Amino acid sequence: MPPSAPVHPCWGDLDDRAARLERHQGAADGCRGLCLGLYIALHTQPSPSPARSLPLSGQEPAGGYPWCVNRSVLAGPEGHPFHPLLVPLPIGAFVSSLIFDILTRTRADGLPYLVDGAFWLIGVGLIGALVAAVFGVLDLRTIPRGTPAFATARTHLTLNAATVVLFAIGYSWRAGDHVELDKTRWGQLALSAVAVAFLTAAIWLGGKLTYHHGMRVTGQADH
């Protein structure tokens, strides 16, 4: 009969004690590995995916969002963003106000009702521009920083902001005399012309975001 293993008066069987120590060591190693994995997952940010260009027919939709960013419900569904639906109002109002200003200079006695109309068109344009800007900023936040699309969007935003500031100055300037004047003042007309020039450049960059960088664009449908 083989001799029994020595028994410690406090710890009992040494082989059993060693087995328990191995189990505890394995559990400790597992906990350390789990904690390390959680730490890496929580502190490692995925690299932003570059802006994708327009896909070919039959390919996966390009969209305007990187995969790691949740789509905003307020900004509109993919393929139907709200920002492009809102920008025609301020664009039309601002451009029409400049046309009215020019027309007031085509008559010797002026066209006072167009002077007044240009003032109100600028007011409508300012309100529409502020509403459209909210949804434009929501779209901007979905573009990865450091990409060509983000640089284009930032310039687009800057030009739009300059346009709004110039028209706001013109609106304040006209507030006191738009009823009395028969012709728009040359300074007011020049200010609106510069603002429309900025607006035209912003529209150009907005089209570049859509048609060149493919922001908020889904895949082409098969025909």
Protein backbone atom coordinates (compact mmCIF):
# COMPACT_ATOMS: atom_id res chain seq x y z
CA MET A 1 0.00 0.00 0.00
CA PRO A 2 1.63 3.31 -1.06
CA PRO A 3 2.44 5.69 1.71
CA SER A 4 -0.04 8.55 2.12
CA ALA A 5 1.03 12.10 1.31
CA PRO A 6 2.17 14.17 4.27
CA VAL A 7 -0.55 16.14 5.92
CA HIS A 8 0.14 19.59 7.27
CA PRO A 9 -1.49 20.19 10.64
CA CYS A 10 -2.96 23.54 9.42
CA TRP A 11 -3.30 23.26 5.65
CA GLY A 12 -4.27 19.64 5.24
CA ASP A 13 -3.17 17.63 2.22
CA LEU A 14 -0.31 19.38 0.36
CA ASP A 15 -1.38 18.05 -3.05
CA ASP A 16 -4.89 19.42 -2.54
CA ARG A 17 -3.44 22.74 -1.42
CA ALA A 18 -1.26 22.92 -4.55
CA ALA A 19 -4.24 22.17 -6.82
CA ARG A 20 -6.27 24.91 -5.19
CA LEU A 21 -3.40 27.36 -5.60
CA GLU A 22 -3.20 26.53 -9.31
CA ARG A 23 -6.92 27.10 -9.72
CA HIS A 24 -6.71 30.47 -7.95
CA GLN A 25 -3.70 31.45 -10.07
CA GLY A 26 -5.58 30.57 -13.26
CA ALA A 27 -8.61 32.60 -12.18
CA ALA A 28 -6.40 35.57 -11.36
CA ASP A 29 -4.71 35.36 -14.76
CA GLY A 30 -8.12 35.25 -16.43
CA CYS A 31 -9.29 38.33 -14.55
CA ARG A 32 -6.16 40.22 -15.49
CA GLY A 33 -6.64 39.30 -19.15
CA LEU A 34 -10.28 40.38 -19.08
CA CYS A 35 -9.44 43.70 -17.43
CA LEU A 36 -6.67 44.33 -19.96
CA GLY A 37 -9.04 43.61 -22.84
CA LEU A 38 -11.68 45.97 -21.45
CA TYR A 39 -9.08 48.68 -20.93
CA ILE A 40 -7.86 48.39 -24.52
CA ALA A 41 -11.43 48.41 -25.86
CA LEU A 42 -12.40 51.50 -23.87
CA HIS A 43 -9.25 53.55 -24.49
CA THR A 44 -8.57 52.73 -28.12
CA GLN A 45 -10.49 54.88 -30.61
CA PRO A 46 -11.09 53.47 -34.06
CA SER A 47 -9.41 55.44 -36.81
CA PRO A 48 -11.94 57.47 -38.82
CA SER A 49 -12.72 56.04 -42.18
CA PRO A 50 -11.97 58.39 -45.09
CA ALA A 51 -14.82 60.01 -46.89
CA ARG A 52 -16.12 57.65 -49.51
CA SER A 53 -16.74 58.66 -53.06
CA LEU A 54 -19.85 57.95 -55.04
CA PRO A 55 -20.30 54.20 -55.57
CA LEU A 56 -20.88 52.47 -58.83
CA SER A 57 -24.22 50.89 -59.55
CA GLY A 58 -24.69 47.67 -57.63
CA GLN A 59 -22.10 48.49 -54.98
CA GLU A 60 -22.70 49.11 -51.31
CA PRO A 61 -24.20 52.57 -50.65
CA ALA A 62 -21.58 55.18 -49.96
CA GLY A 63 -23.63 57.26 -47.55
CA GLY A 64 -22.17 60.32 -45.93
CA TYR A 65 -21.33 58.86 -42.55
CA PRO A 66 -18.37 56.82 -41.38
CA TRP A 67 -19.44 53.43 -40.07
CA CYS A 68 -18.42 54.32 -36.51
CA VAL A 69 -20.81 57.29 -36.28
CA ASN A 70 -24.51 56.99 -35.54
CA ARG A 71 -26.75 58.66 -38.06
CA SER A 72 -28.66 61.64 -36.79
CA VAL A 73 -32.43 61.44 -36.93
CA LEU A 74 -32.65 65.23 -36.97
CA ALA A 75 -30.40 65.52 -40.02
CA GLY A 76 -32.70 63.36 -42.13
CA PRO A 77 -32.44 59.81 -43.45
CA GLU A 78 -29.59 58.78 -45.72
CA GLY A 79 -30.32 59.88 -49.26
CA HIS A 80 -32.91 62.44 -48.04
CA PRO A 81 -31.09 64.95 -45.81
CA PHE A 82 -33.02 67.97 -44.58
CA HIS A 83 -30.31 70.58 -45.21
CA PRO A 84 -30.65 70.61 -49.03
CA LEU A 85 -34.42 70.91 -48.66
CA LEU A 86 -34.06 74.13 -46.66
CA VAL A 87 -31.30 76.04 -48.46
CA PRO A 88 -33.33 77.06 -51.58
CA LEU A 89 -35.42 79.49 -49.48
CA PRO A 90 -32.56 81.70 -48.24
CA ILE A 91 -30.71 81.41 -51.57
CA GLY A 92 -33.76 82.54 -53.51
CA ALA A 93 -34.57 85.33 -51.06
CA PHE A 94 -31.03 86.75 -50.99
CA VAL A 95 -30.53 86.61 -54.76
CA SER A 96 -33.98 88.08 -55.41
CA SER A 97 -33.26 90.98 -53.04
CA LEU A 98 -30.16 91.84 -55.06
CA ILE A 99 -32.17 91.69 -58.29
CA PHE A 100 -34.74 94.04 -56.76
CA ASP A 101 -31.92 96.42 -55.76
CA ILE A 102 -30.56 96.45 -59.30
CA LEU A 103 -34.01 97.02 -60.79
CA THR A 104 -34.54 100.09 -58.61
CA ARG A 105 -31.61 101.66 -60.46
CA THR A 106 -33.06 101.02 -63.92
CA ARG A 107 -35.72 103.74 -63.63
CA ALA A 108 -35.01 107.45 -63.32
CA ASP A 109 -37.66 107.87 -60.66
CA GLY A 110 -36.80 104.56 -59.01
CA LEU A 111 -39.05 101.72 -57.91
CA PRO A 112 -39.85 102.29 -54.24
CA TYR A 113 -41.91 99.13 -53.84
CA LEU A 114 -38.88 97.06 -54.89
CA VAL A 115 -36.73 98.86 -52.32
CA ASP A 116 -39.22 97.81 -49.69
CA GLY A 117 -39.49 94.32 -51.16
CA ALA A 118 -35.71 93.82 -51.07
CA PHE A 119 -35.72 94.67 -47.37
CA TRP A 120 -38.32 92.03 -46.57
CA LEU A 121 -36.66 89.45 -48.79
CA ILE A 122 -33.44 89.87 -46.84
CA GLY A 123 -35.37 89.31 -43.62
CA VAL A 124 -36.90 86.11 -44.98
CA GLY A 125 -33.47 84.98 -46.18
CA LEU A 126 -31.90 85.52 -42.76
CA ILE A 127 -34.54 83.42 -41.02
CA GLY A 128 -34.26 80.66 -43.61
CA ALA A 129 -30.46 80.71 -43.44
CA LEU A 130 -30.45 80.25 -39.67
CA VAL A 131 -32.81 77.28 -39.89
CA ALA A 132 -30.80 75.68 -42.69
CA ALA A 133 -27.57 76.25 -40.76
CA VAL A 134 -28.80 74.08 -37.88
CA PHE A 135 -29.18 71.07 -40.15
CA GLY A 136 -25.97 71.90 -41.97
CA VAL A 137 -24.02 71.75 -38.71
CA LEU A 138 -25.60 68.36 -37.96
CA ASP A 139 -24.29 67.11 -41.30
CA LEU A 140 -20.87 68.67 -40.65
CA ARG A 141 -20.49 66.73 -37.40
CA THR A 142 -20.73 63.44 -39.30
CA ILE A 143 -17.73 64.17 -41.55
CA PRO A 144 -14.40 62.76 -40.25
CA ARG A 145 -11.93 65.48 -39.31
CA GLY A 146 -8.75 65.76 -41.31
CA THR A 147 -10.35 64.62 -44.57
CA PRO A 148 -10.69 66.66 -47.79
CA ALA A 149 -14.47 66.56 -47.35
CA PHE A 150 -14.19 68.15 -43.91
CA ALA A 151 -11.95 70.95 -45.25
CA THR A 152 -14.48 71.65 -48.00
CA ALA A 153 -17.36 71.63 -45.50
CA ARG A 154 -15.52 74.01 -43.18
CA THR A 155 -14.92 76.50 -46.00
CA HIS A 156 -18.56 76.09 -47.06
CA LEU A 157 -19.67 76.93 -43.53
CA THR A 158 -17.34 79.94 -43.30
CA LEU A 159 -18.62 81.44 -46.56
CA ASN A 160 -22.23 80.94 -45.51
CA ALA A 161 -21.55 82.59 -42.16
CA ALA A 162 -19.95 85.58 -43.92
CA THR A 163 -22.97 85.81 -46.21
CA VAL A 164 -25.38 85.90 -43.28
CA VAL A 165 -23.31 88.53 -41.44
CA LEU A 166 -23.19 90.83 -44.48
CA PHE A 167 -26.91 90.52 -45.14
CA ALA A 168 -27.63 91.10 -41.43
CA ILE A 169 -25.62 94.33 -41.63
CA GLY A 170 -27.53 95.34 -44.75
CA TYR A 171 -30.85 94.52 -43.13
CA SER A 172 -30.05 96.73 -40.15
CA TRP A 173 -28.89 99.50 -42.48
CA ARG A 174 -32.11 99.39 -44.51
CA ALA A 175 -34.42 99.20 -41.49
CA GLY A 176 -34.58 102.96 -41.11
CA ASP A 177 -35.02 104.06 -44.73
CA HIS A 178 -36.48 101.26 -46.85
CA VAL A 179 -39.90 102.94 -46.92
CA GLU A 180 -38.69 106.45 -47.78
CA LEU A 181 -36.20 105.57 -50.54
CA ASP A 182 -37.13 105.33 -54.21
CA LYS A 183 -33.84 103.64 -55.09
CA THR A 184 -31.59 101.34 -53.11
CA ARG A 185 -28.47 103.14 -51.93
CA TRP A 186 -25.32 102.25 -53.83
CA GLY A 187 -23.60 101.17 -50.62
CA GLN A 188 -26.47 98.87 -49.73
CA LEU A 189 -26.48 97.41 -53.23
CA ALA A 190 -22.71 96.86 -53.16
CA LEU A 191 -22.94 95.14 -49.77
CA SER A 192 -25.61 92.78 -51.06
CA ALA A 193 -23.54 92.07 -54.19
CA VAL A 194 -20.52 91.03 -52.11
CA ALA A 195 -22.76 88.86 -49.93
CA VAL A 196 -24.24 87.13 -52.98
CA ALA A 197 -20.71 86.52 -54.30
CA PHE A 198 -19.86 84.74 -51.03
CA LEU A 199 -23.14 82.86 -51.27
CA THR A 200 -22.34 81.69 -54.81
CA ALA A 201 -18.97 80.32 -53.68
CA ALA A 202 -20.66 78.54 -50.75
CA ILE A 203 -23.22 76.98 -53.11
CA TRP A 204 -20.37 75.75 -55.33
CA LEU A 205 -18.69 74.04 -52.37
CA GLY A 206 -22.00 72.58 -51.24
CA GLY A 207 -22.33 70.94 -54.63
CA LYS A 208 -18.76 69.66 -54.34
CA LEU A 209 -19.60 68.00 -51.02
CA THR A 210 -22.47 66.15 -52.65
CA TYR A 211 -21.23 65.35 -56.14
CA HIS A 212 -17.49 65.03 -55.53
CA HIS A 213 -17.19 63.73 -51.97
CA GLY A 214 -20.54 61.92 -51.95
CA MET A 215 -21.72 63.28 -48.60
CA ARG A 216 -25.21 62.02 -47.65
CA VAL A 217 -25.54 60.19 -50.99
CA THR A 218 -26.75 56.63 -51.28
CA GLY A 219 -25.94 54.16 -54.04
CA GLN A 220 -27.29 54.67 -57.52
CA ALA A 221 -30.41 52.69 -58.28
CA ASP A 222 -30.24 50.09 -61.00
CA HIS A 223 -32.21 51.04 -64.10
